[in-house]
N, C-alpha and C. Protein backbone atom coordinates (compact mmCIF):
# COMPACT_ATOMS: atom_id res chain seq x y z
N MET A 1 0.83 -1.19 0.00
CA MET A 1 0.00 0.00 0.00
C MET A 1 0.88 1.25 0.00
N SER A 2 0.38 2.27 -0.66
CA SER A 2 1.09 3.55 -0.68
C SER A 2 0.76 4.34 0.59
N PHE A 3 1.45 5.46 0.76
CA PHE A 3 1.20 6.31 1.93
C PHE A 3 -0.25 6.79 1.95
N GLY A 4 -0.77 7.17 0.79
CA GLY A 4 -2.16 7.63 0.69
C GLY A 4 -3.14 6.53 1.08
N ASP A 5 -2.84 5.29 0.65
CA ASP A 5 -3.70 4.17 1.02
C ASP A 5 -3.70 3.95 2.53
N TYR A 6 -2.53 4.09 3.14
CA TYR A 6 -2.45 3.93 4.60
C TYR A 6 -3.22 5.03 5.31
N MET A 7 -3.15 6.25 4.78
CA MET A 7 -3.89 7.35 5.40
C MET A 7 -5.40 7.10 5.31
N LEU A 8 -5.88 6.61 4.17
CA LEU A 8 -7.29 6.28 4.03
C LEU A 8 -7.68 5.14 4.96
N PHE A 9 -6.79 4.18 5.12
CA PHE A 9 -7.00 3.04 6.01
C PHE A 9 -7.17 3.54 7.46
N ILE A 10 -6.30 4.46 7.88
CA ILE A 10 -6.35 5.02 9.23
C ILE A 10 -7.61 5.86 9.42
N ILE A 11 -7.89 6.76 8.47
CA ILE A 11 -9.08 7.60 8.57
C ILE A 11 -10.34 6.74 8.56
N GLY A 12 -10.33 5.70 7.75
CA GLY A 12 -11.48 4.79 7.71
C GLY A 12 -11.73 4.14 9.05
N ALA A 13 -10.66 3.68 9.71
CA ALA A 13 -10.82 3.02 11.01
C ALA A 13 -11.23 4.00 12.10
N ILE A 14 -10.74 5.23 12.04
CA ILE A 14 -11.04 6.21 13.08
C ILE A 14 -12.43 6.82 12.90
N LEU A 15 -12.76 7.24 11.70
CA LEU A 15 -13.99 8.01 11.48
C LEU A 15 -15.11 7.23 10.80
N VAL A 16 -14.82 6.67 9.64
CA VAL A 16 -15.87 6.07 8.82
C VAL A 16 -16.37 4.76 9.40
N ASN A 17 -15.46 3.85 9.70
CA ASN A 17 -15.82 2.54 10.26
C ASN A 17 -15.53 2.51 11.75
N ASN A 18 -15.84 3.60 12.42
CA ASN A 18 -15.59 3.71 13.86
C ASN A 18 -16.19 2.50 14.57
N ILE A 19 -15.37 1.83 15.34
CA ILE A 19 -15.77 0.58 15.99
C ILE A 19 -16.97 0.78 16.90
N LEU A 20 -17.11 1.97 17.44
CA LEU A 20 -18.20 2.26 18.37
C LEU A 20 -19.43 2.80 17.66
N LEU A 21 -19.24 3.78 16.79
CA LEU A 21 -20.38 4.47 16.19
C LEU A 21 -20.85 3.89 14.86
N ALA A 22 -20.03 3.05 14.21
CA ALA A 22 -20.46 2.43 12.97
C ALA A 22 -20.69 0.92 13.15
N LYS A 23 -19.86 0.29 13.96
CA LYS A 23 -20.00 -1.15 14.19
C LYS A 23 -20.78 -1.44 15.48
N PHE A 24 -21.00 -0.43 16.30
CA PHE A 24 -21.77 -0.52 17.55
C PHE A 24 -21.20 -1.56 18.51
N LEU A 25 -19.88 -1.58 18.64
CA LEU A 25 -19.21 -2.48 19.58
C LEU A 25 -18.66 -1.66 20.74
N GLY A 26 -18.85 -2.12 21.95
CA GLY A 26 -18.29 -1.44 23.12
C GLY A 26 -19.16 -0.34 23.69
N ASN A 27 -20.47 -0.48 23.58
CA ASN A 27 -21.37 0.58 24.05
C ASN A 27 -21.48 0.68 25.56
N CYS A 28 -21.29 -0.42 26.29
CA CYS A 28 -21.45 -0.40 27.74
C CYS A 28 -20.48 0.58 28.41
N PRO A 29 -19.16 0.45 28.18
CA PRO A 29 -18.26 1.45 28.77
C PRO A 29 -18.48 2.85 28.18
N PHE A 30 -18.87 2.90 26.92
CA PHE A 30 -19.12 4.18 26.27
C PHE A 30 -20.18 4.98 27.02
N LEU A 31 -21.28 4.33 27.37
CA LEU A 31 -22.35 5.01 28.10
C LEU A 31 -22.03 5.14 29.59
N GLY A 32 -21.26 4.20 30.13
CA GLY A 32 -21.01 4.19 31.56
C GLY A 32 -19.94 5.16 32.04
N VAL A 33 -18.87 5.35 31.25
CA VAL A 33 -17.76 6.18 31.73
C VAL A 33 -17.77 7.57 31.12
N SER A 34 -18.76 7.88 30.34
CA SER A 34 -18.72 9.14 29.60
C SER A 34 -19.37 10.31 30.33
N ARG A 35 -19.64 10.18 31.59
CA ARG A 35 -20.25 11.29 32.32
C ARG A 35 -19.25 12.38 32.67
N ARG A 36 -17.98 12.02 32.81
CA ARG A 36 -16.95 12.99 33.17
C ARG A 36 -15.75 12.83 32.24
N MET A 37 -15.15 13.96 31.91
CA MET A 37 -14.04 13.98 30.96
C MET A 37 -12.82 13.22 31.49
N ASP A 38 -12.51 13.35 32.79
CA ASP A 38 -11.32 12.70 33.31
C ASP A 38 -11.42 11.17 33.27
N THR A 39 -12.59 10.63 33.60
CA THR A 39 -12.74 9.17 33.53
C THR A 39 -12.76 8.70 32.08
N ALA A 40 -13.36 9.48 31.19
CA ALA A 40 -13.38 9.12 29.77
C ALA A 40 -11.97 9.10 29.19
N THR A 41 -11.16 10.07 29.58
CA THR A 41 -9.77 10.13 29.10
C THR A 41 -8.97 8.94 29.63
N GLY A 42 -9.14 8.62 30.91
CA GLY A 42 -8.45 7.47 31.48
C GLY A 42 -8.86 6.17 30.82
N MET A 43 -10.16 6.00 30.60
CA MET A 43 -10.64 4.79 29.93
C MET A 43 -10.12 4.74 28.50
N SER A 44 -10.04 5.89 27.84
CA SER A 44 -9.52 5.94 26.47
C SER A 44 -8.08 5.45 26.40
N MET A 45 -7.26 5.90 27.33
CA MET A 45 -5.86 5.45 27.35
C MET A 45 -5.76 3.96 27.59
N ALA A 46 -6.59 3.45 28.51
CA ALA A 46 -6.59 2.01 28.79
C ALA A 46 -7.05 1.22 27.56
N VAL A 47 -8.09 1.70 26.88
CA VAL A 47 -8.59 1.00 25.69
C VAL A 47 -7.56 1.04 24.56
N ILE A 48 -6.89 2.18 24.38
CA ILE A 48 -5.87 2.26 23.33
C ILE A 48 -4.78 1.22 23.58
N PHE A 49 -4.30 1.14 24.81
CA PHE A 49 -3.26 0.17 25.14
C PHE A 49 -3.74 -1.25 24.94
N VAL A 50 -4.88 -1.58 25.55
CA VAL A 50 -5.38 -2.96 25.50
C VAL A 50 -5.73 -3.37 24.08
N LEU A 51 -6.43 -2.50 23.35
CA LEU A 51 -6.87 -2.86 22.00
C LEU A 51 -5.69 -3.03 21.05
N THR A 52 -4.71 -2.15 21.14
CA THR A 52 -3.53 -2.26 20.27
C THR A 52 -2.73 -3.51 20.59
N MET A 53 -2.46 -3.73 21.87
CA MET A 53 -1.69 -4.91 22.27
C MET A 53 -2.46 -6.19 21.97
N ALA A 54 -3.76 -6.18 22.22
CA ALA A 54 -4.58 -7.37 21.96
C ALA A 54 -4.59 -7.71 20.47
N GLY A 55 -4.68 -6.69 19.63
CA GLY A 55 -4.63 -6.93 18.19
C GLY A 55 -3.35 -7.61 17.76
N MET A 56 -2.23 -7.11 18.26
CA MET A 56 -0.93 -7.69 17.89
C MET A 56 -0.77 -9.11 18.45
N ILE A 57 -1.07 -9.27 19.72
CA ILE A 57 -0.84 -10.59 20.35
C ILE A 57 -1.80 -11.63 19.79
N THR A 58 -3.07 -11.26 19.57
CA THR A 58 -4.00 -12.24 19.01
C THR A 58 -3.62 -12.63 17.59
N TRP A 59 -3.05 -11.70 16.83
CA TRP A 59 -2.57 -12.05 15.49
C TRP A 59 -1.45 -13.08 15.59
N LEU A 60 -0.52 -12.85 16.52
CA LEU A 60 0.58 -13.80 16.72
C LEU A 60 0.06 -15.16 17.19
N VAL A 61 -0.90 -15.14 18.11
CA VAL A 61 -1.49 -16.39 18.60
C VAL A 61 -2.18 -17.13 17.46
N GLN A 62 -2.91 -16.40 16.64
CA GLN A 62 -3.63 -17.03 15.52
C GLN A 62 -2.67 -17.71 14.55
N TYR A 63 -1.66 -16.96 14.10
CA TYR A 63 -0.81 -17.47 13.02
C TYR A 63 0.39 -18.28 13.47
N TYR A 64 0.75 -18.21 14.76
CA TYR A 64 1.90 -18.97 15.23
C TYR A 64 1.53 -20.10 16.19
N ILE A 65 0.28 -20.13 16.65
CA ILE A 65 -0.14 -21.22 17.54
C ILE A 65 -1.37 -21.93 16.98
N LEU A 66 -2.46 -21.19 16.79
CA LEU A 66 -3.73 -21.83 16.41
C LEU A 66 -3.69 -22.46 15.02
N VAL A 67 -3.19 -21.72 14.03
CA VAL A 67 -3.15 -22.25 12.66
C VAL A 67 -2.18 -23.42 12.53
N PRO A 68 -0.92 -23.32 13.01
CA PRO A 68 0.00 -24.46 12.89
C PRO A 68 -0.50 -25.72 13.60
N LEU A 69 -1.20 -25.54 14.73
CA LEU A 69 -1.72 -26.70 15.46
C LEU A 69 -3.10 -27.13 14.97
N ASP A 70 -3.62 -26.43 13.98
CA ASP A 70 -4.94 -26.71 13.40
C ASP A 70 -6.04 -26.69 14.46
N ILE A 71 -5.99 -25.67 15.33
CA ILE A 71 -7.01 -25.53 16.38
C ILE A 71 -7.64 -24.14 16.32
N GLU A 72 -7.92 -23.68 15.10
CA GLU A 72 -8.51 -22.35 14.94
C GLU A 72 -9.86 -22.23 15.63
N TYR A 73 -10.52 -23.35 15.88
CA TYR A 73 -11.82 -23.32 16.54
C TYR A 73 -11.71 -22.81 17.99
N LEU A 74 -10.51 -22.74 18.54
CA LEU A 74 -10.29 -22.21 19.88
C LEU A 74 -9.98 -20.71 19.86
N GLN A 75 -10.17 -20.09 18.71
CA GLN A 75 -9.82 -18.68 18.54
C GLN A 75 -10.47 -17.76 19.58
N THR A 76 -11.77 -17.88 19.76
CA THR A 76 -12.46 -16.98 20.69
C THR A 76 -11.95 -17.14 22.11
N ILE A 77 -11.78 -18.37 22.55
CA ILE A 77 -11.28 -18.62 23.92
C ILE A 77 -9.87 -18.07 24.07
N ALA A 78 -9.01 -18.34 23.09
CA ALA A 78 -7.63 -17.85 23.16
C ALA A 78 -7.58 -16.33 23.17
N PHE A 79 -8.39 -15.70 22.34
CA PHE A 79 -8.40 -14.24 22.27
C PHE A 79 -8.90 -13.63 23.59
N ILE A 80 -9.92 -14.22 24.17
CA ILE A 80 -10.44 -13.71 25.44
C ILE A 80 -9.38 -13.84 26.54
N LEU A 81 -8.64 -14.93 26.55
CA LEU A 81 -7.56 -15.10 27.54
C LEU A 81 -6.49 -14.04 27.38
N VAL A 82 -6.12 -13.74 26.14
CA VAL A 82 -5.12 -12.69 25.88
C VAL A 82 -5.64 -11.34 26.38
N ILE A 83 -6.88 -11.02 26.05
CA ILE A 83 -7.47 -9.74 26.46
C ILE A 83 -7.57 -9.65 27.98
N ALA A 84 -7.98 -10.73 28.63
CA ALA A 84 -8.09 -10.73 30.10
C ALA A 84 -6.73 -10.50 30.75
N ALA A 85 -5.69 -11.12 30.21
CA ALA A 85 -4.34 -10.93 30.77
C ALA A 85 -3.89 -9.48 30.60
N LEU A 86 -4.16 -8.89 29.45
CA LEU A 86 -3.78 -7.49 29.23
C LEU A 86 -4.52 -6.54 30.16
N VAL A 87 -5.81 -6.80 30.36
CA VAL A 87 -6.60 -5.95 31.24
C VAL A 87 -6.09 -6.06 32.68
N GLN A 88 -5.72 -7.27 33.10
CA GLN A 88 -5.15 -7.44 34.44
C GLN A 88 -3.88 -6.62 34.59
N LEU A 89 -3.05 -6.62 33.54
CA LEU A 89 -1.82 -5.83 33.56
C LEU A 89 -2.14 -4.35 33.70
N VAL A 90 -3.11 -3.86 32.93
CA VAL A 90 -3.51 -2.46 33.00
C VAL A 90 -4.06 -2.13 34.39
N GLU A 91 -4.88 -3.02 34.95
CA GLU A 91 -5.44 -2.80 36.29
C GLU A 91 -4.35 -2.68 37.34
N ILE A 92 -3.38 -3.58 37.29
CA ILE A 92 -2.30 -3.56 38.27
C ILE A 92 -1.50 -2.27 38.17
N VAL A 93 -1.13 -1.89 36.94
CA VAL A 93 -0.35 -0.67 36.75
C VAL A 93 -1.15 0.56 37.18
N MET A 94 -2.43 0.61 36.80
CA MET A 94 -3.26 1.77 37.14
C MET A 94 -3.51 1.86 38.64
N ALA A 95 -3.73 0.74 39.30
CA ALA A 95 -3.96 0.74 40.75
C ALA A 95 -2.74 1.28 41.49
N LYS A 96 -1.55 0.98 40.99
CA LYS A 96 -0.32 1.44 41.64
C LYS A 96 0.03 2.88 41.29
N SER A 97 -0.12 3.25 40.02
CA SER A 97 0.35 4.57 39.59
C SER A 97 -0.73 5.65 39.55
N LEU A 98 -1.98 5.28 39.31
CA LEU A 98 -3.07 6.26 39.23
C LEU A 98 -4.27 5.78 40.06
N PRO A 99 -4.13 5.72 41.38
CA PRO A 99 -5.20 5.15 42.20
C PRO A 99 -6.53 5.91 42.11
N ALA A 100 -6.48 7.22 41.96
CA ALA A 100 -7.73 8.00 41.87
C ALA A 100 -8.50 7.63 40.60
N LEU A 101 -7.79 7.54 39.48
CA LEU A 101 -8.43 7.15 38.22
C LEU A 101 -8.91 5.70 38.30
N TYR A 102 -8.12 4.85 38.94
CA TYR A 102 -8.49 3.44 39.11
C TYR A 102 -9.83 3.33 39.85
N ARG A 103 -9.98 4.12 40.92
CA ARG A 103 -11.23 4.11 41.69
C ARG A 103 -12.37 4.74 40.88
N ALA A 104 -12.07 5.79 40.12
CA ALA A 104 -13.11 6.48 39.33
C ALA A 104 -13.66 5.57 38.23
N LEU A 105 -12.80 4.78 37.62
CA LEU A 105 -13.26 3.87 36.56
C LEU A 105 -14.08 2.72 37.13
N GLY A 106 -13.75 2.32 38.35
CA GLY A 106 -14.54 1.29 39.03
C GLY A 106 -14.68 0.02 38.22
N ILE A 107 -15.91 -0.43 38.07
CA ILE A 107 -16.20 -1.70 37.39
C ILE A 107 -15.92 -1.64 35.90
N PHE A 108 -15.84 -0.43 35.32
CA PHE A 108 -15.68 -0.33 33.88
C PHE A 108 -14.29 -0.73 33.40
N LEU A 109 -13.29 -0.65 34.27
CA LEU A 109 -11.95 -1.09 33.88
C LEU A 109 -11.91 -2.60 33.64
N PRO A 110 -12.39 -3.44 34.58
CA PRO A 110 -12.41 -4.87 34.27
C PRO A 110 -13.36 -5.22 33.13
N LEU A 111 -14.32 -4.35 32.86
CA LEU A 111 -15.24 -4.63 31.75
C LEU A 111 -14.56 -4.56 30.39
N ILE A 112 -13.36 -3.98 30.33
CA ILE A 112 -12.62 -4.00 29.06
C ILE A 112 -12.37 -5.44 28.64
N THR A 113 -12.24 -6.34 29.63
CA THR A 113 -12.03 -7.76 29.32
C THR A 113 -13.16 -8.29 28.46
N THR A 114 -14.38 -7.90 28.77
CA THR A 114 -15.52 -8.39 28.00
C THR A 114 -16.03 -7.34 27.01
N ASN A 115 -15.25 -6.29 26.79
CA ASN A 115 -15.64 -5.26 25.85
C ASN A 115 -15.61 -5.86 24.44
N CYS A 116 -16.75 -5.92 23.84
CA CYS A 116 -16.82 -6.57 22.53
C CYS A 116 -16.04 -5.79 21.47
N ALA A 117 -15.70 -4.53 21.72
CA ALA A 117 -14.89 -3.78 20.77
C ALA A 117 -13.49 -4.38 20.67
N VAL A 118 -12.92 -4.76 21.80
CA VAL A 118 -11.57 -5.33 21.79
C VAL A 118 -11.56 -6.68 21.09
N LEU A 119 -12.49 -7.54 21.47
CA LEU A 119 -12.59 -8.85 20.81
C LEU A 119 -12.99 -8.69 19.35
N GLY A 120 -13.88 -7.75 19.08
CA GLY A 120 -14.33 -7.53 17.71
C GLY A 120 -13.20 -7.11 16.79
N VAL A 121 -12.35 -6.19 17.24
CA VAL A 121 -11.21 -5.75 16.42
C VAL A 121 -10.25 -6.92 16.18
N ALA A 122 -10.00 -7.72 17.22
CA ALA A 122 -9.11 -8.88 17.06
C ALA A 122 -9.65 -9.84 16.01
N ILE A 123 -10.94 -10.07 16.02
CA ILE A 123 -11.55 -10.98 15.04
C ILE A 123 -11.60 -10.35 13.66
N ILE A 124 -11.89 -9.05 13.57
CA ILE A 124 -11.89 -8.36 12.28
C ILE A 124 -10.51 -8.45 11.63
N ASN A 125 -9.45 -8.29 12.43
CA ASN A 125 -8.08 -8.40 11.89
C ASN A 125 -7.85 -9.75 11.23
N ILE A 126 -8.32 -10.80 11.86
CA ILE A 126 -8.12 -12.16 11.33
C ILE A 126 -9.01 -12.38 10.10
N GLN A 127 -10.28 -11.98 10.18
CA GLN A 127 -11.20 -12.17 9.07
C GLN A 127 -10.78 -11.38 7.84
N ALA A 128 -10.22 -10.20 8.04
CA ALA A 128 -9.78 -9.37 6.91
C ALA A 128 -8.42 -9.83 6.38
N GLU A 129 -7.81 -10.80 7.07
CA GLU A 129 -6.51 -11.36 6.68
C GLU A 129 -5.43 -10.28 6.57
N TYR A 130 -5.43 -9.35 7.54
CA TYR A 130 -4.40 -8.33 7.58
C TYR A 130 -3.06 -8.97 7.94
N ASP A 131 -1.98 -8.40 7.41
CA ASP A 131 -0.66 -8.84 7.87
C ASP A 131 -0.39 -8.17 9.22
N PHE A 132 0.77 -8.44 9.79
CA PHE A 132 1.04 -7.95 11.15
C PHE A 132 1.01 -6.43 11.22
N PHE A 133 1.63 -5.75 10.27
CA PHE A 133 1.66 -4.29 10.30
C PHE A 133 0.26 -3.70 10.14
N ASP A 134 -0.52 -4.25 9.21
CA ASP A 134 -1.89 -3.75 9.03
C ASP A 134 -2.74 -4.01 10.28
N THR A 135 -2.50 -5.14 10.94
CA THR A 135 -3.19 -5.46 12.18
C THR A 135 -2.87 -4.43 13.25
N LEU A 136 -1.58 -4.10 13.37
CA LEU A 136 -1.16 -3.08 14.34
C LEU A 136 -1.81 -1.74 14.02
N LEU A 137 -1.78 -1.36 12.76
CA LEU A 137 -2.34 -0.08 12.33
C LEU A 137 -3.86 -0.02 12.54
N PHE A 138 -4.55 -1.08 12.16
CA PHE A 138 -6.01 -1.11 12.31
C PHE A 138 -6.41 -1.13 13.78
N SER A 139 -5.70 -1.91 14.58
CA SER A 139 -6.01 -1.99 16.01
C SER A 139 -5.82 -0.64 16.68
N PHE A 140 -4.69 0.00 16.41
CA PHE A 140 -4.42 1.31 17.01
C PHE A 140 -5.42 2.35 16.51
N SER A 141 -5.68 2.37 15.22
CA SER A 141 -6.62 3.35 14.65
C SER A 141 -8.03 3.14 15.19
N SER A 142 -8.44 1.89 15.33
CA SER A 142 -9.77 1.61 15.90
C SER A 142 -9.85 2.09 17.33
N ALA A 143 -8.76 1.90 18.09
CA ALA A 143 -8.73 2.36 19.48
C ALA A 143 -8.78 3.89 19.55
N VAL A 144 -8.08 4.55 18.64
CA VAL A 144 -8.11 6.01 18.60
C VAL A 144 -9.52 6.49 18.24
N GLY A 145 -10.17 5.81 17.30
CA GLY A 145 -11.55 6.16 16.94
C GLY A 145 -12.50 5.98 18.11
N TYR A 146 -12.34 4.87 18.84
CA TYR A 146 -13.15 4.62 20.03
C TYR A 146 -12.92 5.74 21.05
N SER A 147 -11.66 6.08 21.27
CA SER A 147 -11.31 7.12 22.24
C SER A 147 -11.85 8.48 21.83
N LEU A 148 -11.73 8.79 20.55
CA LEU A 148 -12.26 10.06 20.04
C LEU A 148 -13.75 10.17 20.32
N ALA A 149 -14.49 9.12 19.99
CA ALA A 149 -15.93 9.13 20.23
C ALA A 149 -16.24 9.24 21.72
N LEU A 150 -15.50 8.51 22.55
CA LEU A 150 -15.72 8.53 23.99
C LEU A 150 -15.46 9.91 24.59
N ILE A 151 -14.35 10.53 24.19
CA ILE A 151 -14.00 11.85 24.74
C ILE A 151 -14.96 12.94 24.24
N LEU A 152 -15.32 12.89 22.97
CA LEU A 152 -16.31 13.86 22.46
C LEU A 152 -17.64 13.71 23.18
N PHE A 153 -18.05 12.46 23.38
CA PHE A 153 -19.31 12.18 24.05
C PHE A 153 -19.27 12.67 25.50
N ALA A 154 -18.13 12.46 26.17
CA ALA A 154 -17.99 12.93 27.56
C ALA A 154 -18.07 14.45 27.63
N GLY A 155 -17.45 15.12 26.66
CA GLY A 155 -17.53 16.58 26.62
C GLY A 155 -18.96 17.07 26.45
N ILE A 156 -19.70 16.40 25.62
CA ILE A 156 -21.11 16.77 25.40
C ILE A 156 -21.93 16.48 26.66
N ARG A 157 -21.70 15.31 27.27
CA ARG A 157 -22.49 14.95 28.45
C ARG A 157 -22.18 15.84 29.65
N GLU A 158 -20.96 16.36 29.75
CA GLU A 158 -20.66 17.30 30.83
C GLU A 158 -21.49 18.57 30.68
N ARG A 159 -21.76 18.95 29.45
CA ARG A 159 -22.55 20.16 29.21
C ARG A 159 -24.02 19.94 29.55
N PHE A 160 -24.46 18.68 29.58
CA PHE A 160 -25.86 18.40 29.93
C PHE A 160 -26.19 18.89 31.34
N ALA A 161 -25.19 18.94 32.22
CA ALA A 161 -25.43 19.38 33.60
C ALA A 161 -25.90 20.83 33.64
N MET A 162 -25.52 21.62 32.63
CA MET A 162 -25.90 23.04 32.59
C MET A 162 -27.10 23.28 31.69
N ALA A 163 -27.56 22.26 31.00
CA ALA A 163 -28.65 22.43 30.04
C ALA A 163 -29.99 22.05 30.67
N ARG A 164 -31.04 22.66 30.14
CA ARG A 164 -32.38 22.28 30.57
C ARG A 164 -32.87 21.20 29.61
N ILE A 165 -32.91 19.98 30.11
CA ILE A 165 -33.31 18.84 29.28
C ILE A 165 -34.71 18.41 29.71
N PRO A 166 -35.62 18.23 28.76
CA PRO A 166 -36.96 17.76 29.13
C PRO A 166 -36.89 16.46 29.93
N LYS A 167 -37.80 16.29 30.85
CA LYS A 167 -37.79 15.15 31.77
C LYS A 167 -37.74 13.81 31.04
N VAL A 168 -38.45 13.68 29.94
CA VAL A 168 -38.47 12.39 29.23
C VAL A 168 -37.12 12.03 28.60
N PHE A 169 -36.26 13.03 28.38
CA PHE A 169 -34.96 12.78 27.77
C PHE A 169 -33.82 12.70 28.79
N GLN A 170 -34.08 12.96 30.05
CA GLN A 170 -33.01 12.97 31.04
C GLN A 170 -32.43 11.57 31.25
N GLY A 171 -31.14 11.54 31.61
CA GLY A 171 -30.47 10.28 31.91
C GLY A 171 -29.99 9.55 30.66
N THR A 172 -30.28 8.27 30.61
CA THR A 172 -29.81 7.43 29.52
C THR A 172 -30.40 7.83 28.18
N ALA A 173 -31.65 8.31 28.20
CA ALA A 173 -32.33 8.65 26.94
C ALA A 173 -31.56 9.71 26.16
N ILE A 174 -31.15 10.78 26.81
CA ILE A 174 -30.42 11.83 26.10
C ILE A 174 -29.05 11.32 25.65
N GLY A 175 -28.47 10.42 26.44
CA GLY A 175 -27.20 9.81 26.04
C GLY A 175 -27.33 9.01 24.76
N LEU A 176 -28.39 8.22 24.66
CA LEU A 176 -28.60 7.41 23.46
C LEU A 176 -28.93 8.27 22.24
N VAL A 177 -29.74 9.31 22.45
CA VAL A 177 -30.06 10.23 21.35
C VAL A 177 -28.79 10.92 20.86
N THR A 178 -27.97 11.37 21.79
CA THR A 178 -26.71 12.04 21.44
C THR A 178 -25.77 11.08 20.72
N ALA A 179 -25.68 9.85 21.20
CA ALA A 179 -24.84 8.85 20.54
C ALA A 179 -25.32 8.61 19.11
N GLY A 180 -26.63 8.59 18.92
CA GLY A 180 -27.18 8.43 17.58
C GLY A 180 -26.79 9.58 16.65
N PHE A 181 -26.88 10.80 17.17
CA PHE A 181 -26.47 11.96 16.36
C PHE A 181 -24.97 11.93 16.06
N MET A 182 -24.18 11.47 17.04
CA MET A 182 -22.73 11.35 16.79
C MET A 182 -22.45 10.32 15.70
N ALA A 183 -23.15 9.20 15.76
CA ALA A 183 -22.98 8.16 14.74
C ALA A 183 -23.34 8.70 13.36
N LEU A 184 -24.40 9.48 13.31
CA LEU A 184 -24.82 10.10 12.05
C LEU A 184 -23.76 11.06 11.54
N ALA A 185 -23.19 11.86 12.46
CA ALA A 185 -22.14 12.81 12.07
C ALA A 185 -20.90 12.08 11.57
N PHE A 186 -20.50 11.01 12.25
CA PHE A 186 -19.32 10.25 11.83
C PHE A 186 -19.55 9.58 10.48
N SER A 187 -20.79 9.18 10.20
CA SER A 187 -21.07 8.54 8.90
C SER A 187 -20.91 9.53 7.75
N GLY A 188 -20.94 10.81 8.05
CA GLY A 188 -20.73 11.83 7.03
C GLY A 188 -19.32 11.82 6.45
N PHE A 189 -18.37 11.18 7.16
CA PHE A 189 -17.00 11.08 6.65
C PHE A 189 -16.85 9.95 5.62
N ALA A 190 -17.90 9.21 5.35
CA ALA A 190 -17.81 8.07 4.42
C ALA A 190 -17.32 8.49 3.03
N GLY A 191 -17.63 9.69 2.61
CA GLY A 191 -17.19 10.16 1.31
C GLY A 191 -15.68 10.31 1.20
N LEU A 192 -14.99 10.47 2.34
CA LEU A 192 -13.54 10.59 2.32
C LEU A 192 -12.86 9.31 1.87
N VAL A 193 -13.41 8.19 2.32
CA VAL A 193 -12.77 6.90 2.08
C VAL A 193 -13.40 6.18 0.90
N GLY A 194 -14.64 6.44 0.64
CA GLY A 194 -15.29 5.83 -0.51
C GLY A 194 -15.99 4.53 -0.23
N HIS A 195 -16.20 4.18 1.05
CA HIS A 195 -17.02 3.00 1.39
C HIS A 195 -17.60 3.13 2.74
């Protein structure tokens, strides 16, 4: 691929095929941690690390363990084990170095283990038959797209505290409506990539 193709690949993963707003994967932490900017930023950093590392390690597990041993049917279990180990690593590091953020994220940090966005990207990498570099690029770009959506959403939700929202839209309802409008806005970038 040329440099331009790589740029379209990155833009496609971040904006057009956003794992959260176009593929609708990882909505639980998206709605749960997006009430405050600081927790959204912390969760974004954790997701970027876990998703990028999980993409690379699951690719290696697929092509250097599962395929040679002809046990591809264990893919989902193997990928979940890799993701769980990475999340444990993030939890340990965050608990020691950023205890306030660790407490603020609460249950949503271990939920990265079962975040379908992380598992979804790992499986998309294999199904699309990306090579190792493309897997790294797609995983990182997808994580950046997830983080962008999460941080933008948190910024919008912080403003809800100062807005007069009709009673029927308060709480989760306004969050879902806003997420829908964000998904619509992100789909407007489809013309950049051409699909």
